[in-house]
Amino acid sequence: MAEIVNLRQARKQKARTEKERAAEQNRALHGRPKAERERQDLLRAQSERFVEGHRRDAAGSKAGPGSPEDGYPDGSPERE
């Protein structure tokens, strides 16, 4: 004789198994250890500081030294 199966419980068990499989897949794709995340943040901050330190002009100024707004090309004010 066949085993009696409660269809409601079987459906719930199947859903639980499917959710667990999806969770395992997401952990493999997106999970990173804390040390790895912190290292990535540190490298990102260092590269941003490097780029900011090597900019040719200050972030707020539109014209640097030697521009027509400053007068003479050497950056000195215009003489009268």
N, C-alpha and C. Protein backbone atom coordinates (compact mmCIF):
# COMPACT_ATOMS: atom_id res chain seq x y z
N MET A 1 0.84 -1.17 0.00
CA MET A 1 0.00 0.00 0.00
C MET A 1 0.89 1.25 0.00
N ALA A 2 0.43 2.36 -0.59
CA ALA A 2 1.20 3.59 -0.73
C ALA A 2 1.20 4.39 0.57
N GLU A 3 2.22 5.18 0.72
CA GLU A 3 2.33 6.03 1.91
C GLU A 3 1.41 7.24 1.76
N ILE A 4 0.72 7.59 2.82
CA ILE A 4 -0.19 8.74 2.78
C ILE A 4 0.66 10.01 2.97
N VAL A 5 0.43 11.00 2.07
CA VAL A 5 1.21 12.23 2.09
C VAL A 5 0.25 13.40 2.23
N ASN A 6 0.55 14.27 3.19
CA ASN A 6 -0.22 15.49 3.36
C ASN A 6 0.31 16.49 2.33
N LEU A 7 -0.51 16.85 1.35
CA LEU A 7 -0.07 17.70 0.25
C LEU A 7 0.32 19.11 0.72
N ARG A 8 -0.35 19.63 1.72
CA ARG A 8 -0.04 20.96 2.24
C ARG A 8 1.37 20.96 2.83
N GLN A 9 1.69 19.94 3.64
CA GLN A 9 3.03 19.86 4.24
C GLN A 9 4.10 19.62 3.17
N ALA A 10 3.79 18.82 2.18
CA ALA A 10 4.76 18.55 1.11
C ALA A 10 5.04 19.83 0.33
N ARG A 11 4.01 20.64 0.07
CA ARG A 11 4.17 21.89 -0.66
C ARG A 11 5.02 22.87 0.15
N LYS A 12 4.78 22.96 1.46
CA LYS A 12 5.56 23.85 2.32
C LYS A 12 7.02 23.40 2.39
N GLN A 13 7.25 22.11 2.49
CA GLN A 13 8.61 21.59 2.54
C GLN A 13 9.36 21.88 1.24
N LYS A 14 8.67 21.75 0.12
CA LYS A 14 9.28 22.04 -1.17
C LYS A 14 9.66 23.53 -1.26
N ALA A 15 8.77 24.41 -0.75
CA ALA A 15 9.05 25.85 -0.76
C ALA A 15 10.25 26.16 0.13
N ARG A 16 10.33 25.53 1.30
CA ARG A 16 11.47 25.75 2.20
C ARG A 16 12.78 25.33 1.54
N THR A 17 12.75 24.19 0.88
CA THR A 17 13.95 23.67 0.22
C THR A 17 14.39 24.62 -0.91
N GLU A 18 13.43 25.14 -1.66
CA GLU A 18 13.73 26.05 -2.76
C GLU A 18 14.32 27.37 -2.21
N LYS A 19 13.75 27.88 -1.12
CA LYS A 19 14.28 29.11 -0.52
C LYS A 19 15.70 28.90 -0.01
N GLU A 20 15.95 27.77 0.59
CA GLU A 20 17.29 27.47 1.11
C GLU A 20 18.30 27.37 -0.04
N ARG A 21 17.89 26.77 -1.15
CA ARG A 21 18.77 26.68 -2.31
C ARG A 21 19.09 28.07 -2.86
N ALA A 22 18.08 28.94 -2.95
CA ALA A 22 18.29 30.31 -3.44
C ALA A 22 19.19 31.09 -2.47
N ALA A 23 19.01 30.89 -1.17
CA ALA A 23 19.84 31.58 -0.17
C ALA A 23 21.29 31.13 -0.28
N GLU A 24 21.51 29.86 -0.48
CA GLU A 24 22.87 29.34 -0.64
C GLU A 24 23.54 29.94 -1.87
N GLN A 25 22.78 30.05 -2.94
CA GLN A 25 23.31 30.63 -4.17
C GLN A 25 23.67 32.10 -3.95
N ASN A 26 22.82 32.86 -3.25
CA ASN A 26 23.09 34.27 -2.98
C ASN A 26 24.30 34.44 -2.06
N ARG A 27 24.45 33.57 -1.09
CA ARG A 27 25.62 33.65 -0.22
C ARG A 27 26.90 33.46 -1.02
N ALA A 28 26.85 32.55 -1.97
CA ALA A 28 28.04 32.29 -2.78
C ALA A 28 28.34 33.48 -3.70
N LEU A 29 27.29 34.13 -4.21
CA LEU A 29 27.50 35.24 -5.14
C LEU A 29 27.85 36.55 -4.44
N HIS A 30 27.17 36.86 -3.35
CA HIS A 30 27.26 38.19 -2.76
C HIS A 30 27.98 38.24 -1.42
N GLY A 31 28.16 37.15 -0.77
CA GLY A 31 28.76 37.17 0.56
C GLY A 31 30.26 37.38 0.49
N ARG A 32 30.75 38.34 1.28
CA ARG A 32 32.18 38.57 1.39
C ARG A 32 32.51 38.70 2.87
N PRO A 33 33.64 38.19 3.29
CA PRO A 33 34.04 38.33 4.69
C PRO A 33 34.25 39.80 5.05
N LYS A 34 34.11 40.10 6.34
CA LYS A 34 34.25 41.46 6.82
C LYS A 34 35.63 42.02 6.50
N ALA A 35 36.66 41.23 6.66
CA ALA A 35 38.03 41.69 6.39
C ALA A 35 38.18 42.09 4.92
N GLU A 36 37.58 41.33 4.03
CA GLU A 36 37.67 41.65 2.61
C GLU A 36 36.94 42.95 2.29
N ARG A 37 35.75 43.16 2.90
CA ARG A 37 35.00 44.41 2.69
C ARG A 37 35.80 45.61 3.21
N GLU A 38 36.40 45.47 4.41
CA GLU A 38 37.18 46.56 4.98
C GLU A 38 38.41 46.87 4.14
N ARG A 39 39.05 45.84 3.62
CA ARG A 39 40.22 46.04 2.77
C ARG A 39 39.83 46.79 1.50
N GLN A 40 38.71 46.42 0.90
CA GLN A 40 38.23 47.10 -0.30
C GLN A 40 37.92 48.56 -0.01
N ASP A 41 37.30 48.85 1.13
CA ASP A 41 37.00 50.23 1.51
C ASP A 41 38.29 51.03 1.71
N LEU A 42 39.29 50.42 2.34
CA LEU A 42 40.57 51.08 2.56
C LEU A 42 41.25 51.40 1.23
N LEU A 43 41.28 50.45 0.31
CA LEU A 43 41.90 50.68 -0.99
C LEU A 43 41.18 51.78 -1.76
N ARG A 44 39.85 51.81 -1.68
CA ARG A 44 39.06 52.84 -2.36
C ARG A 44 39.39 54.22 -1.78
N ALA A 45 39.48 54.32 -0.44
CA ALA A 45 39.79 55.59 0.20
C ALA A 45 41.20 56.06 -0.18
N GLN A 46 42.17 55.14 -0.21
CA GLN A 46 43.54 55.50 -0.57
C GLN A 46 43.61 56.01 -2.00
N SER A 47 42.91 55.37 -2.91
CA SER A 47 42.96 55.81 -4.30
C SER A 47 42.28 57.16 -4.47
N GLU A 48 41.20 57.42 -3.72
CA GLU A 48 40.55 58.73 -3.79
C GLU A 48 41.49 59.82 -3.27
N ARG A 49 42.21 59.55 -2.16
CA ARG A 49 43.15 60.53 -1.63
C ARG A 49 44.29 60.78 -2.62
N PHE A 50 44.75 59.74 -3.27
CA PHE A 50 45.82 59.87 -4.26
C PHE A 50 45.38 60.77 -5.41
N VAL A 51 44.19 60.53 -5.92
CA VAL A 51 43.68 61.33 -7.04
C VAL A 51 43.48 62.78 -6.61
N GLU A 52 42.90 63.00 -5.45
CA GLU A 52 42.68 64.36 -4.95
C GLU A 52 44.01 65.09 -4.75
N GLY A 53 45.01 64.39 -4.29
CA GLY A 53 46.31 65.00 -4.06
C GLY A 53 47.06 65.36 -5.33
N HIS A 54 46.67 64.79 -6.45
CA HIS A 54 47.36 65.03 -7.71
C HIS A 54 46.53 65.84 -8.70
N ARG A 55 45.51 66.48 -8.21
CA ARG A 55 44.72 67.34 -9.10
C ARG A 55 45.55 68.57 -9.45
N ARG A 56 45.34 69.11 -10.64
CA ARG A 56 46.12 70.25 -11.10
C ARG A 56 45.64 71.55 -10.48
N ASP A 57 44.36 71.67 -10.18
CA ASP A 57 43.86 72.88 -9.55
C ASP A 57 43.00 72.50 -8.36
N ALA A 58 42.78 73.48 -7.49
CA ALA A 58 41.95 73.23 -6.31
C ALA A 58 40.51 72.98 -6.76
N ALA A 59 39.78 72.26 -5.97
CA ALA A 59 38.43 71.87 -6.35
C ALA A 59 37.51 73.08 -6.48
N GLY A 60 37.69 74.12 -5.65
CA GLY A 60 36.79 75.25 -5.66
C GLY A 60 37.16 76.35 -6.63
N SER A 61 38.40 76.44 -7.04
CA SER A 61 38.80 77.54 -7.91
C SER A 61 38.60 77.19 -9.37
N LYS A 62 38.13 78.16 -10.10
CA LYS A 62 37.90 77.94 -11.53
C LYS A 62 39.13 78.30 -12.35
N ALA A 63 39.89 79.25 -11.85
CA ALA A 63 41.07 79.70 -12.58
C ALA A 63 42.31 79.53 -11.72
N GLY A 64 43.32 78.96 -12.28
CA GLY A 64 44.56 78.75 -11.54
C GLY A 64 45.51 79.90 -11.76
N PRO A 65 46.72 79.83 -11.21
CA PRO A 65 47.71 80.88 -11.43
C PRO A 65 48.09 80.95 -12.90
N GLY A 66 48.27 82.15 -13.37
CA GLY A 66 48.65 82.33 -14.76
C GLY A 66 47.45 82.43 -15.69
N SER A 67 46.26 82.44 -15.15
CA SER A 67 45.08 82.56 -16.00
C SER A 67 44.83 84.03 -16.29
N PRO A 68 44.08 84.37 -17.31
CA PRO A 68 43.82 85.77 -17.64
C PRO A 68 43.16 86.55 -16.51
N GLU A 69 42.45 85.87 -15.64
CA GLU A 69 41.81 86.56 -14.52
C GLU A 69 42.84 87.09 -13.54
N ASP A 70 44.01 86.49 -13.47
CA ASP A 70 45.03 86.89 -12.52
C ASP A 70 45.89 88.05 -13.03
N GLY A 71 45.82 88.37 -14.25
CA GLY A 71 46.65 89.45 -14.78
C GLY A 71 47.72 88.88 -15.67
N TYR A 72 48.97 88.97 -15.24
CA TYR A 72 50.08 88.49 -16.03
C TYR A 72 50.21 86.97 -15.93
N PRO A 73 50.85 86.35 -16.92
CA PRO A 73 50.98 84.89 -16.93
C PRO A 73 51.69 84.33 -15.72
N ASP A 74 52.56 85.11 -15.07
CA ASP A 74 53.25 84.58 -13.91
C ASP A 74 52.38 84.61 -12.66
N GLY A 75 51.15 85.10 -12.76
CA GLY A 75 50.23 85.12 -11.64
C GLY A 75 50.27 86.40 -10.84
N SER A 76 51.15 87.35 -11.20
CA SER A 76 51.21 88.61 -10.46
C SER A 76 50.04 89.50 -10.90
N PRO A 77 49.59 90.40 -10.03
CA PRO A 77 48.49 91.28 -10.43
C PRO A 77 48.93 92.28 -11.47
N GLU A 78 47.99 92.82 -12.21
CA GLU A 78 48.34 93.78 -13.25
C GLU A 78 48.95 95.03 -12.62
N ARG A 79 49.93 95.58 -13.30
CA ARG A 79 50.58 96.80 -12.81
C ARG A 79 49.98 97.99 -13.55
N GLU A 80 49.86 99.07 -12.85
CA GLU A 80 49.32 100.26 -13.50
C GLU A 80 50.38 101.23 -13.90
